[in-house]
Amino acid sequence: MTQPVHAGRRYRRFLLGAVVAGLAALFVGAQLGQYFAGLVVYAVAAAAAFGVFAYVRVRDDLAIQDEWEATLERRASHLTMQLFGFAGVFGFVALYVLDAAGRASVGPTVQTLSTAFTVVWLTWGGVYLWLRYRP
């Protein structure tokens, strides 16, 4: 029997809380010079969140979100990818044009970011094609 969505929201709140607490610990640890301690807290929080997520995925009768929340999440993801996509394309092209014009604007950091940007979009394209054409 499927449980109501509010029963699964407790797990969703824990997942989000663990991720936020882990990221906050990582940031605070880095700011205080205790990077390793922040990293350990982040790893424990990520492992706990993954464990809860795996538990919820195994239990078929437990729903974390309803259709409205799933639609909202998809729209937010879509708009975020569009925002970073357009900003990244125009930003990186502008930086490389400035670099070609003689202004030193592309260093190792920009090259790393543009490579990561390319990898994200190639991964997105691969997942899209796999979902579209899978048997």
N, C-alpha and C. Protein backbone atom coordinates (compact mmCIF):
# COMPACT_ATOMS: atom_id res chain seq x y z
N MET A 1 0.84 -1.18 0.00
CA MET A 1 0.00 0.00 0.00
C MET A 1 0.88 1.25 0.00
N THR A 2 0.59 2.17 -0.85
CA THR A 2 1.36 3.39 -0.96
C THR A 2 1.02 4.35 0.17
N GLN A 3 2.06 4.86 0.81
CA GLN A 3 1.85 5.81 1.89
C GLN A 3 1.66 7.20 1.31
N PRO A 4 1.00 8.08 2.04
CA PRO A 4 0.87 9.46 1.55
C PRO A 4 2.23 10.13 1.44
N VAL A 5 2.26 11.19 0.65
CA VAL A 5 3.52 11.88 0.38
C VAL A 5 4.12 12.47 1.64
N HIS A 6 3.29 12.95 2.56
CA HIS A 6 3.83 13.59 3.77
C HIS A 6 4.66 12.62 4.60
N ALA A 7 4.42 11.31 4.45
CA ALA A 7 5.25 10.35 5.17
C ALA A 7 6.67 10.34 4.62
N GLY A 8 6.83 10.55 3.32
CA GLY A 8 8.15 10.57 2.72
C GLY A 8 8.84 11.91 2.80
N ARG A 9 8.09 12.97 3.08
CA ARG A 9 8.70 14.30 3.16
C ARG A 9 9.67 14.41 4.33
N ARG A 10 9.44 13.63 5.35
CA ARG A 10 10.36 13.62 6.48
C ARG A 10 11.76 13.21 6.00
N TYR A 11 11.82 12.20 5.12
CA TYR A 11 13.10 11.77 4.58
C TYR A 11 13.69 12.83 3.65
N ARG A 12 12.84 13.48 2.90
CA ARG A 12 13.31 14.53 1.99
C ARG A 12 13.92 15.68 2.79
N ARG A 13 13.27 16.07 3.88
CA ARG A 13 13.83 17.14 4.72
C ARG A 13 15.18 16.72 5.29
N PHE A 14 15.29 15.45 5.69
CA PHE A 14 16.58 14.97 6.20
C PHE A 14 17.65 15.02 5.11
N LEU A 15 17.30 14.59 3.90
CA LEU A 15 18.26 14.61 2.80
C LEU A 15 18.77 16.03 2.55
N LEU A 16 17.85 16.97 2.41
CA LEU A 16 18.25 18.35 2.16
C LEU A 16 19.03 18.93 3.34
N GLY A 17 18.60 18.63 4.54
CA GLY A 17 19.32 19.11 5.73
C GLY A 17 20.73 18.55 5.82
N ALA A 18 20.89 17.27 5.51
CA ALA A 18 22.22 16.67 5.55
C ALA A 18 23.14 17.29 4.51
N VAL A 19 22.62 17.52 3.32
CA VAL A 19 23.44 18.13 2.27
C VAL A 19 23.82 19.56 2.66
N VAL A 20 22.87 20.34 3.15
CA VAL A 20 23.17 21.72 3.55
C VAL A 20 24.15 21.75 4.72
N ALA A 21 23.95 20.88 5.71
CA ALA A 21 24.86 20.84 6.85
C ALA A 21 26.27 20.43 6.42
N GLY A 22 26.36 19.46 5.53
CA GLY A 22 27.66 19.03 5.04
C GLY A 22 28.38 20.12 4.28
N LEU A 23 27.66 20.81 3.40
CA LEU A 23 28.28 21.91 2.65
C LEU A 23 28.68 23.06 3.57
N ALA A 24 27.83 23.35 4.56
CA ALA A 24 28.16 24.41 5.52
C ALA A 24 29.40 24.04 6.32
N ALA A 25 29.50 22.78 6.75
CA ALA A 25 30.68 22.34 7.50
C ALA A 25 31.93 22.42 6.64
N LEU A 26 31.81 22.05 5.38
CA LEU A 26 32.96 22.14 4.47
C LEU A 26 33.41 23.59 4.30
N PHE A 27 32.45 24.49 4.12
CA PHE A 27 32.77 25.91 3.94
C PHE A 27 33.37 26.50 5.22
N VAL A 28 32.74 26.24 6.35
CA VAL A 28 33.25 26.79 7.62
C VAL A 28 34.62 26.21 7.95
N GLY A 29 34.79 24.91 7.72
CA GLY A 29 36.10 24.30 7.96
C GLY A 29 37.19 24.92 7.10
N ALA A 30 36.87 25.19 5.84
CA ALA A 30 37.85 25.82 4.96
C ALA A 30 38.17 27.24 5.41
N GLN A 31 37.17 27.97 5.88
CA GLN A 31 37.39 29.35 6.33
C GLN A 31 38.20 29.41 7.62
N LEU A 32 38.06 28.39 8.46
CA LEU A 32 38.78 28.37 9.74
C LEU A 32 40.13 27.67 9.65
N GLY A 33 40.50 27.23 8.46
CA GLY A 33 41.77 26.54 8.30
C GLY A 33 41.71 25.07 8.69
N GLN A 34 40.55 24.57 8.97
CA GLN A 34 40.36 23.16 9.33
C GLN A 34 39.67 22.44 8.17
N TYR A 35 40.32 22.45 7.03
CA TYR A 35 39.72 21.91 5.81
C TYR A 35 39.41 20.42 5.96
N PHE A 36 40.33 19.67 6.58
CA PHE A 36 40.12 18.22 6.72
C PHE A 36 38.92 17.92 7.60
N ALA A 37 38.76 18.65 8.70
CA ALA A 37 37.61 18.43 9.59
C ALA A 37 36.30 18.73 8.85
N GLY A 38 36.27 19.82 8.10
CA GLY A 38 35.08 20.13 7.31
C GLY A 38 34.81 19.07 6.27
N LEU A 39 35.87 18.54 5.66
CA LEU A 39 35.71 17.49 4.66
C LEU A 39 35.18 16.20 5.27
N VAL A 40 35.62 15.88 6.48
CA VAL A 40 35.13 14.68 7.16
C VAL A 40 33.64 14.82 7.48
N VAL A 41 33.24 15.97 8.01
CA VAL A 41 31.82 16.19 8.31
C VAL A 41 31.00 16.14 7.03
N TYR A 42 31.52 16.73 5.96
CA TYR A 42 30.83 16.69 4.67
C TYR A 42 30.68 15.25 4.18
N ALA A 43 31.73 14.45 4.31
CA ALA A 43 31.67 13.06 3.85
C ALA A 43 30.66 12.25 4.67
N VAL A 44 30.61 12.47 5.97
CA VAL A 44 29.64 11.76 6.82
C VAL A 44 28.22 12.17 6.45
N ALA A 45 27.99 13.46 6.25
CA ALA A 45 26.66 13.94 5.87
C ALA A 45 26.26 13.39 4.51
N ALA A 46 27.19 13.37 3.56
CA ALA A 46 26.88 12.83 2.23
C ALA A 46 26.58 11.34 2.30
N ALA A 47 27.33 10.59 3.10
CA ALA A 47 27.08 9.16 3.25
C ALA A 47 25.72 8.92 3.90
N ALA A 48 25.36 9.71 4.90
CA ALA A 48 24.05 9.57 5.54
C ALA A 48 22.93 9.88 4.55
N ALA A 49 23.10 10.94 3.78
CA ALA A 49 22.08 11.30 2.78
C ALA A 49 21.96 10.21 1.73
N PHE A 50 23.08 9.65 1.28
CA PHE A 50 23.03 8.58 0.30
C PHE A 50 22.35 7.34 0.88
N GLY A 51 22.63 7.03 2.14
CA GLY A 51 21.99 5.88 2.78
C GLY A 51 20.48 6.04 2.87
N VAL A 52 20.02 7.22 3.26
CA VAL A 52 18.58 7.47 3.33
C VAL A 52 17.97 7.43 1.94
N PHE A 53 18.65 8.00 0.96
CA PHE A 53 18.15 7.98 -0.41
C PHE A 53 18.03 6.54 -0.92
N ALA A 54 19.05 5.72 -0.65
CA ALA A 54 19.00 4.32 -1.08
C ALA A 54 17.86 3.58 -0.39
N TYR A 55 17.64 3.85 0.89
CA TYR A 55 16.54 3.23 1.63
C TYR A 55 15.19 3.60 1.02
N VAL A 56 15.02 4.87 0.70
CA VAL A 56 13.75 5.32 0.13
C VAL A 56 13.55 4.72 -1.25
N ARG A 57 14.62 4.59 -2.04
CA ARG A 57 14.50 4.01 -3.38
C ARG A 57 14.11 2.53 -3.32
N VAL A 58 14.56 1.82 -2.29
CA VAL A 58 14.25 0.40 -2.15
C VAL A 58 12.79 0.21 -1.74
N ARG A 59 12.29 1.10 -0.91
CA ARG A 59 10.90 1.00 -0.46
C ARG A 59 9.99 1.60 -1.51
N ASP A 60 9.29 0.75 -2.23
CA ASP A 60 8.43 1.21 -3.32
C ASP A 60 7.22 2.00 -2.84
N ASP A 61 6.79 1.78 -1.61
CA ASP A 61 5.57 2.42 -1.13
C ASP A 61 5.81 3.79 -0.52
N LEU A 62 7.02 4.28 -0.59
CA LEU A 62 7.35 5.55 0.04
C LEU A 62 7.63 6.60 -1.03
N ALA A 63 6.82 7.63 -1.08
CA ALA A 63 7.00 8.71 -2.06
C ALA A 63 7.57 9.94 -1.36
N ILE A 64 8.61 10.50 -1.95
CA ILE A 64 9.24 11.68 -1.37
C ILE A 64 8.54 12.95 -1.83
N GLN A 65 8.00 12.94 -3.04
CA GLN A 65 7.36 14.13 -3.58
C GLN A 65 6.17 13.74 -4.44
N ASP A 66 5.27 14.69 -4.61
CA ASP A 66 4.12 14.43 -5.47
C ASP A 66 4.40 14.99 -6.87
N GLU A 67 3.40 14.92 -7.74
CA GLU A 67 3.60 15.34 -9.14
C GLU A 67 3.92 16.83 -9.25
N TRP A 68 3.28 17.65 -8.43
CA TRP A 68 3.53 19.09 -8.48
C TRP A 68 4.98 19.39 -8.12
N GLU A 69 5.48 18.77 -7.06
CA GLU A 69 6.86 18.99 -6.65
C GLU A 69 7.84 18.47 -7.69
N ALA A 70 7.52 17.34 -8.32
CA ALA A 70 8.39 16.81 -9.37
C ALA A 70 8.43 17.75 -10.57
N THR A 71 7.27 18.30 -10.94
CA THR A 71 7.22 19.25 -12.05
C THR A 71 8.00 20.51 -11.71
N LEU A 72 7.84 21.01 -10.49
CA LEU A 72 8.58 22.19 -10.05
C LEU A 72 10.09 21.94 -10.08
N GLU A 73 10.51 20.78 -9.63
CA GLU A 73 11.93 20.44 -9.64
C GLU A 73 12.47 20.36 -11.07
N ARG A 74 11.71 19.77 -11.97
CA ARG A 74 12.13 19.70 -13.38
C ARG A 74 12.24 21.09 -13.99
N ARG A 75 11.26 21.96 -13.71
CA ARG A 75 11.30 23.33 -14.25
C ARG A 75 12.49 24.10 -13.71
N ALA A 76 12.75 23.96 -12.40
CA ALA A 76 13.89 24.66 -11.80
C ALA A 76 15.20 24.16 -12.40
N SER A 77 15.32 22.86 -12.59
CA SER A 77 16.54 22.31 -13.20
C SER A 77 16.70 22.82 -14.63
N HIS A 78 15.61 22.83 -15.37
CA HIS A 78 15.65 23.29 -16.76
C HIS A 78 16.08 24.76 -16.84
N LEU A 79 15.48 25.60 -16.02
CA LEU A 79 15.82 27.02 -16.04
C LEU A 79 17.26 27.27 -15.58
N THR A 80 17.72 26.50 -14.60
CA THR A 80 19.10 26.65 -14.12
C THR A 80 20.09 26.26 -15.22
N MET A 81 19.82 25.15 -15.90
CA MET A 81 20.71 24.73 -16.99
C MET A 81 20.68 25.75 -18.12
N GLN A 82 19.52 26.31 -18.42
CA GLN A 82 19.44 27.34 -19.46
C GLN A 82 20.25 28.57 -19.07
N LEU A 83 20.09 29.02 -17.83
CA LEU A 83 20.81 30.20 -17.36
C LEU A 83 22.32 30.00 -17.47
N PHE A 84 22.82 28.90 -16.92
CA PHE A 84 24.25 28.65 -16.97
C PHE A 84 24.71 28.35 -18.40
N GLY A 85 23.85 27.75 -19.19
CA GLY A 85 24.21 27.47 -20.58
C GLY A 85 24.42 28.74 -21.38
N PHE A 86 23.44 29.62 -21.35
CA PHE A 86 23.57 30.87 -22.11
C PHE A 86 24.69 31.75 -21.56
N ALA A 87 24.75 31.88 -20.24
CA ALA A 87 25.81 32.70 -19.64
C ALA A 87 27.19 32.12 -19.94
N GLY A 88 27.30 30.80 -19.87
CA GLY A 88 28.58 30.17 -20.15
C GLY A 88 29.01 30.30 -21.59
N VAL A 89 28.08 30.06 -22.51
CA VAL A 89 28.43 30.16 -23.93
C VAL A 89 28.90 31.58 -24.26
N PHE A 90 28.10 32.56 -23.91
CA PHE A 90 28.48 33.94 -24.23
C PHE A 90 29.71 34.40 -23.44
N GLY A 91 29.79 34.01 -22.19
CA GLY A 91 30.93 34.41 -21.37
C GLY A 91 32.24 33.80 -21.86
N PHE A 92 32.25 32.50 -22.13
CA PHE A 92 33.48 31.87 -22.58
C PHE A 92 33.89 32.34 -23.98
N VAL A 93 32.91 32.52 -24.86
CA VAL A 93 33.24 33.04 -26.19
C VAL A 93 33.85 34.43 -26.07
N ALA A 94 33.27 35.28 -25.23
CA ALA A 94 33.81 36.63 -25.05
C ALA A 94 35.23 36.58 -24.49
N LEU A 95 35.48 35.70 -23.52
CA LEU A 95 36.82 35.61 -22.95
C LEU A 95 37.84 35.12 -23.98
N TYR A 96 37.45 34.14 -24.78
CA TYR A 96 38.38 33.65 -25.80
C TYR A 96 38.60 34.67 -26.92
N VAL A 97 37.58 35.45 -27.25
CA VAL A 97 37.76 36.52 -28.24
C VAL A 97 38.71 37.59 -27.69
N LEU A 98 38.54 37.96 -26.43
CA LEU A 98 39.46 38.93 -25.82
C LEU A 98 40.88 38.38 -25.79
N ASP A 99 41.01 37.10 -25.51
CA ASP A 99 42.34 36.49 -25.49
C ASP A 99 42.97 36.51 -26.88
N ALA A 100 42.17 36.23 -27.91
CA ALA A 100 42.68 36.26 -29.28
C ALA A 100 43.03 37.68 -29.72
N ALA A 101 42.36 38.67 -29.12
CA ALA A 101 42.63 40.07 -29.47
C ALA A 101 43.86 40.62 -28.76
N GLY A 102 44.49 39.82 -27.94
CA GLY A 102 45.72 40.27 -27.29
C GLY A 102 45.59 40.57 -25.82
N ARG A 103 44.41 40.53 -25.28
CA ARG A 103 44.24 40.75 -23.85
C ARG A 103 44.33 39.40 -23.13
N ALA A 104 45.13 39.37 -22.12
CA ALA A 104 45.30 38.11 -21.38
C ALA A 104 44.09 37.89 -20.48
N SER A 105 43.14 37.11 -20.95
CA SER A 105 41.94 36.87 -20.15
C SER A 105 41.66 35.39 -19.92
N VAL A 106 42.40 34.52 -20.61
CA VAL A 106 42.18 33.08 -20.45
C VAL A 106 43.41 32.49 -19.78
N GLY A 107 43.22 32.14 -18.52
CA GLY A 107 44.29 31.48 -17.77
C GLY A 107 43.89 30.04 -17.49
N PRO A 108 44.64 29.39 -16.62
CA PRO A 108 44.32 28.00 -16.31
C PRO A 108 42.95 27.82 -15.65
N THR A 109 42.53 28.80 -14.87
CA THR A 109 41.21 28.69 -14.22
C THR A 109 40.10 28.74 -15.25
N VAL A 110 40.19 29.65 -16.19
CA VAL A 110 39.16 29.76 -17.23
C VAL A 110 39.16 28.53 -18.11
N GLN A 111 40.34 28.00 -18.42
CA GLN A 111 40.41 26.78 -19.22
C GLN A 111 39.77 25.60 -18.49
N THR A 112 40.02 25.50 -17.20
CA THR A 112 39.41 24.43 -16.41
C THR A 112 37.90 24.59 -16.36
N LEU A 113 37.43 25.82 -16.15
CA LEU A 113 35.98 26.05 -16.11
C LEU A 113 35.33 25.77 -17.46
N SER A 114 35.98 26.15 -18.55
CA SER A 114 35.39 25.88 -19.86
C SER A 114 35.38 24.38 -20.16
N THR A 115 36.40 23.66 -19.70
CA THR A 115 36.41 22.21 -19.87
C THR A 115 35.30 21.57 -19.05
N ALA A 116 35.13 22.00 -17.81
CA ALA A 116 34.04 21.47 -16.97
C ALA A 116 32.69 21.80 -17.58
N PHE A 117 32.54 23.00 -18.11
CA PHE A 117 31.30 23.41 -18.77
C PHE A 117 31.00 22.49 -19.95
N THR A 118 32.01 22.20 -20.74
CA THR A 118 31.84 21.30 -21.89
C THR A 118 31.46 19.90 -21.44
N VAL A 119 32.12 19.41 -20.39
CA VAL A 119 31.82 18.06 -19.90
C VAL A 119 30.39 17.98 -19.38
N VAL A 120 29.93 18.99 -18.67
CA VAL A 120 28.55 19.00 -18.16
C VAL A 120 27.56 18.92 -19.31
N TRP A 121 27.76 19.72 -20.34
CA TRP A 121 26.81 19.73 -21.46
C TRP A 121 26.91 18.48 -22.31
N LEU A 122 28.10 17.90 -22.47
CA LEU A 122 28.21 16.62 -23.19
C LEU A 122 27.53 15.50 -22.40
N THR A 123 27.68 15.52 -21.08
CA THR A 123 26.99 14.53 -20.25
C THR A 123 25.49 14.70 -20.35
N TRP A 124 25.01 15.94 -20.29
CA TRP A 124 23.58 16.19 -20.44
C TRP A 124 23.08 15.67 -21.78
N GLY A 125 23.81 15.94 -22.85
CA GLY A 125 23.40 15.47 -24.17
C GLY A 125 23.39 13.96 -24.26
N GLY A 126 24.37 13.31 -23.66
CA GLY A 126 24.39 11.85 -23.65
C GLY A 126 23.22 11.25 -22.89
N VAL A 127 22.93 11.80 -21.73
CA VAL A 127 21.78 11.32 -20.94
C VAL A 127 20.48 11.57 -21.69
N TYR A 128 20.35 12.73 -22.30
CA TYR A 128 19.15 13.05 -23.08
C TYR A 128 18.95 12.04 -24.21
N LEU A 129 20.02 11.78 -24.96
CA LEU A 129 19.90 10.82 -26.06
C LEU A 129 19.60 9.42 -25.56
N TRP A 130 20.21 9.04 -24.43
CA TRP A 130 19.94 7.71 -23.88
C TRP A 130 18.48 7.60 -23.46
N LEU A 131 17.95 8.61 -22.79
CA LEU A 131 16.55 8.57 -22.37
C LEU A 131 15.60 8.60 -23.56
N ARG A 132 15.97 9.33 -24.59
CA ARG A 132 15.09 9.46 -25.75
C ARG A 132 15.04 8.18 -26.59
N TYR A 133 16.18 7.51 -26.76
CA TYR A 133 16.24 6.38 -27.68
C TYR A 133 16.43 5.03 -27.02
N ARG A 134 16.29 4.94 -25.72
CA ARG A 134 16.44 3.64 -25.07
C ARG A 134 15.27 2.73 -25.45
N PRO A 135 15.53 1.44 -25.48
CA PRO A 135 14.44 0.51 -25.89
C PRO A 135 13.34 0.38 -24.86
